[in-house]
Amino acid sequence: MKTIHSAPYRHLLSLLIEARKAAHLTQQELSQKLGRPQSYVSKFERGERRLDVIEFLEVTRNINADPHRLLIEIEPLLVKESMDSSMSERYPQKSTLQTVGHRLLIR
């Protein structure tokens, strides 16, 4: 699994971009608040550079976003991805998997 390109990580990036724009900040303005070059913001928003936990918290603080809310929003995607990965290892190719609520149906 390439976690930097996973669906949950891509969704987290889109939430960060949305929050930055809601704060009426350009990439340049955010980079100045962070004390980093504009390319830093551009690269993490495009998924070329991964944010660590401390950087994530610094970004959310500077765009006035609640980091807890963002993580709660992507958590269901993490659970689904984990279940899909686990099931495909156990039941390669022959099974069709369908998630209904928190239940996984195998057909």
C-alpha atoms as a PDB file:
ATOM      1  CA  MET A   1       0.000   0.000   0.000  1.00  0.00           C
ATOM      2  CA  LYS A   2       1.391   3.398  -0.996  1.00  0.00           C
ATOM      3  CA  THR A   3       0.039   5.444   1.888  1.00  0.00           C
ATOM      4  CA  ILE A   4       1.083   8.809   0.468  1.00  0.00           C
ATOM      5  CA  HIS A   5      -1.317   8.145  -2.422  1.00  0.00           C
ATOM      6  CA  SER A   6      -4.011   6.332  -0.443  1.00  0.00           C
ATOM      7  CA  ALA A   7      -7.609   7.504  -0.611  1.00  0.00           C
ATOM      8  CA  PRO A   8      -7.615   8.618   3.051  1.00  0.00           C
ATOM      9  CA  TYR A   9      -4.443  10.687   2.590  1.00  0.00           C
ATOM     10  CA  ARG A  10      -5.725  12.282  -0.641  1.00  0.00           C
ATOM     11  CA  HIS A  11      -8.961  13.144   1.165  1.00  0.00           C
ATOM     12  CA  LEU A  12      -7.005  14.663   4.062  1.00  0.00           C
ATOM     13  CA  LEU A  13      -5.108  16.836   1.591  1.00  0.00           C
ATOM     14  CA  SER A  14      -8.344  18.001  -0.005  1.00  0.00           C
ATOM     15  CA  LEU A  15      -9.688  18.898   3.446  1.00  0.00           C
ATOM     16  CA  LEU A  16      -6.530  20.898   4.192  1.00  0.00           C
ATOM     17  CA  ILE A  17      -6.803  22.749   0.869  1.00  0.00           C
ATOM     18  CA  GLU A  18     -10.479  23.462   1.513  1.00  0.00           C
ATOM     19  CA  ALA A  19      -9.685  24.768   5.014  1.00  0.00           C
ATOM     20  CA  ARG A  20      -6.849  26.961   3.700  1.00  0.00           C
ATOM     21  CA  LYS A  21      -9.161  28.493   1.126  1.00  0.00           C
ATOM     22  CA  ALA A  22     -11.923  28.940   3.736  1.00  0.00           C
ATOM     23  CA  ALA A  23      -9.377  30.871   5.808  1.00  0.00           C
ATOM     24  CA  HIS A  24      -8.849  33.105   2.741  1.00  0.00           C
ATOM     25  CA  LEU A  25      -5.163  32.228   2.573  1.00  0.00           C
ATOM     26  CA  THR A  26      -3.109  31.655  -0.550  1.00  0.00           C
ATOM     27  CA  GLN A  27      -0.325  29.090  -0.573  1.00  0.00           C
ATOM     28  CA  GLN A  28       2.122  31.985  -0.363  1.00  0.00           C
ATOM     29  CA  GLU A  29       0.406  33.475   2.695  1.00  0.00           C
ATOM     30  CA  LEU A  30       0.282  30.117   4.464  1.00  0.00           C
ATOM     31  CA  SER A  31       3.921  29.441   3.675  1.00  0.00           C
ATOM     32  CA  GLN A  32       4.856  32.811   5.210  1.00  0.00           C
ATOM     33  CA  LYS A  33       2.919  31.977   8.378  1.00  0.00           C
ATOM     34  CA  LEU A  34       4.748  28.631   8.526  1.00  0.00           C
ATOM     35  CA  GLY A  35       8.130  30.207   7.803  1.00  0.00           C
ATOM     36  CA  ARG A  36       8.596  27.920   4.800  1.00  0.00           C
ATOM     37  CA  PRO A  37       8.888  28.467   1.046  1.00  0.00           C
ATOM     38  CA  GLN A  38       5.697  28.458  -1.037  1.00  0.00           C
ATOM     39  CA  SER A  39       6.883  25.246  -2.699  1.00  0.00           C
ATOM     40  CA  TYR A  40       6.528  23.465   0.684  1.00  0.00           C
ATOM     41  CA  VAL A  41       2.767  24.140   0.713  1.00  0.00           C
ATOM     42  CA  SER A  42       2.429  23.345  -2.979  1.00  0.00           C
ATOM     43  CA  LYS A  43       4.238  20.023  -2.618  1.00  0.00           C
ATOM     44  CA  PHE A  44       2.249  18.756   0.353  1.00  0.00           C
ATOM     45  CA  GLU A  45      -1.051  19.885  -1.190  1.00  0.00           C
ATOM     46  CA  ARG A  46      -0.223  17.962  -4.399  1.00  0.00           C
ATOM     47  CA  GLY A  47       0.866  14.889  -2.444  1.00  0.00           C
ATOM     48  CA  GLU A  48       4.501  15.180  -3.526  1.00  0.00           C
ATOM     49  CA  ARG A  49       5.623  15.644   0.059  1.00  0.00           C
ATOM     50  CA  ARG A  50       4.148  13.931   3.096  1.00  0.00           C
ATOM     51  CA  LEU A  51       3.343  15.848   6.281  1.00  0.00           C
ATOM     52  CA  ASP A  52       4.416  14.397   9.606  1.00  0.00           C
ATOM     53  CA  VAL A  53       2.227  14.813  12.689  1.00  0.00           C
ATOM     54  CA  ILE A  54       3.944  17.977  13.937  1.00  0.00           C
ATOM     55  CA  GLU A  55       3.777  19.601  10.492  1.00  0.00           C
ATOM     56  CA  PHE A  56       0.114  18.621  10.189  1.00  0.00           C
ATOM     57  CA  LEU A  57      -0.624  20.319  13.515  1.00  0.00           C
ATOM     58  CA  GLU A  58       1.320  23.438  12.485  1.00  0.00           C
ATOM     59  CA  VAL A  59      -0.628  23.655   9.222  1.00  0.00           C
ATOM     60  CA  THR A  60      -4.017  23.167  10.880  1.00  0.00           C
ATOM     61  CA  ARG A  61      -3.217  25.784  13.525  1.00  0.00           C
ATOM     62  CA  ASN A  62      -2.257  28.311  10.846  1.00  0.00           C
ATOM     63  CA  ILE A  63      -5.390  27.740   8.767  1.00  0.00           C
ATOM     64  CA  ASN A  64      -7.653  27.707  11.849  1.00  0.00           C
ATOM     65  CA  ALA A  65      -8.755  24.125  11.225  1.00  0.00           C
ATOM     66  CA  ASP A  66      -9.578  21.588  13.926  1.00  0.00           C
ATOM     67  CA  PRO A  67      -7.094  18.712  13.442  1.00  0.00           C
ATOM     68  CA  HIS A  68      -9.318  16.338  15.391  1.00  0.00           C
ATOM     69  CA  ARG A  69     -12.294  17.001  13.102  1.00  0.00           C
ATOM     70  CA  LEU A  70     -10.160  16.394  10.008  1.00  0.00           C
ATOM     71  CA  LEU A  71      -8.875  13.081  11.355  1.00  0.00           C
ATOM     72  CA  ILE A  72     -12.373  11.975  12.371  1.00  0.00           C
ATOM     73  CA  GLU A  73     -13.539  12.689   8.837  1.00  0.00           C
ATOM     74  CA  ILE A  74     -10.894  10.456   7.231  1.00  0.00           C
ATOM     75  CA  GLU A  75     -11.097   7.638   9.801  1.00  0.00           C
ATOM     76  CA  PRO A  76     -13.926   5.744   8.027  1.00  0.00           C
ATOM     77  CA  LEU A  77     -11.775   5.670   4.876  1.00  0.00           C
ATOM     78  CA  LEU A  78      -8.882   4.183   6.872  1.00  0.00           C
ATOM     79  CA  VAL A  79     -11.125   1.454   8.266  1.00  0.00           C
ATOM     80  CA  LYS A  80     -12.499   0.619   4.820  1.00  0.00           C
ATOM     81  CA  GLU A  81      -9.045   0.550   3.243  1.00  0.00           C
ATOM     82  CA  SER A  82      -7.733  -1.675   6.028  1.00  0.00           C
ATOM     83  CA  MET A  83     -10.656  -4.076   5.670  1.00  0.00           C
ATOM     84  CA  ASP A  84     -10.332  -4.174   1.885  1.00  0.00           C
ATOM     85  CA  SER A  85      -6.607  -4.875   2.120  1.00  0.00           C
ATOM     86  CA  SER A  86      -7.061  -7.583   4.749  1.00  0.00           C
ATOM     87  CA  MET A  87      -9.838  -9.308   2.842  1.00  0.00           C
ATOM     88  CA  SER A  88      -8.014  -9.260  -0.502  1.00  0.00           C
ATOM     89  CA  GLU A  89      -5.057 -11.024   1.132  1.00  0.00           C
ATOM     90  CA  ARG A  90      -7.340 -13.734   2.529  1.00  0.00           C
ATOM     91  CA  TYR A  91      -9.608 -14.110  -0.508  1.00  0.00           C
ATOM     92  CA  PRO A  92      -7.659 -13.247  -3.647  1.00  0.00           C
ATOM     93  CA  GLN A  93      -9.618 -12.513  -6.861  1.00  0.00           C
ATOM     94  CA  LYS A  94     -12.466 -15.043  -6.512  1.00  0.00           C
ATOM     95  CA  SER A  95     -14.535 -13.072  -4.010  1.00  0.00           C
ATOM     96  CA  THR A  96     -16.481  -9.882  -4.500  1.00  0.00           C
ATOM     97  CA  LEU A  97     -16.408  -7.754  -1.363  1.00  0.00           C
ATOM     98  CA  GLN A  98     -19.105  -5.313  -0.421  1.00  0.00           C
ATOM     99  CA  THR A  99     -19.153  -3.103   2.669  1.00  0.00           C
ATOM    100  CA  VAL A 100     -22.543  -2.456   4.253  1.00  0.00           C
ATOM    101  CA  GLY A 101     -22.260  -0.198   7.286  1.00  0.00           C
ATOM    102  CA  HIS A 102     -19.609  -1.828   9.419  1.00  0.00           C
ATOM    103  CA  ARG A 103     -20.285  -5.282   7.958  1.00  0.00           C
ATOM    104  CA  LEU A 104     -18.310  -6.779   5.136  1.00  0.00           C
ATOM    105  CA  LEU A 105     -20.208  -9.088   2.790  1.00  0.00           C
ATOM    106  CA  ILE A 106     -18.360 -11.621   0.662  1.00  0.00           C
ATOM    107  CA  ARG A 107     -20.076 -12.807  -2.496  1.00  0.00           C
END
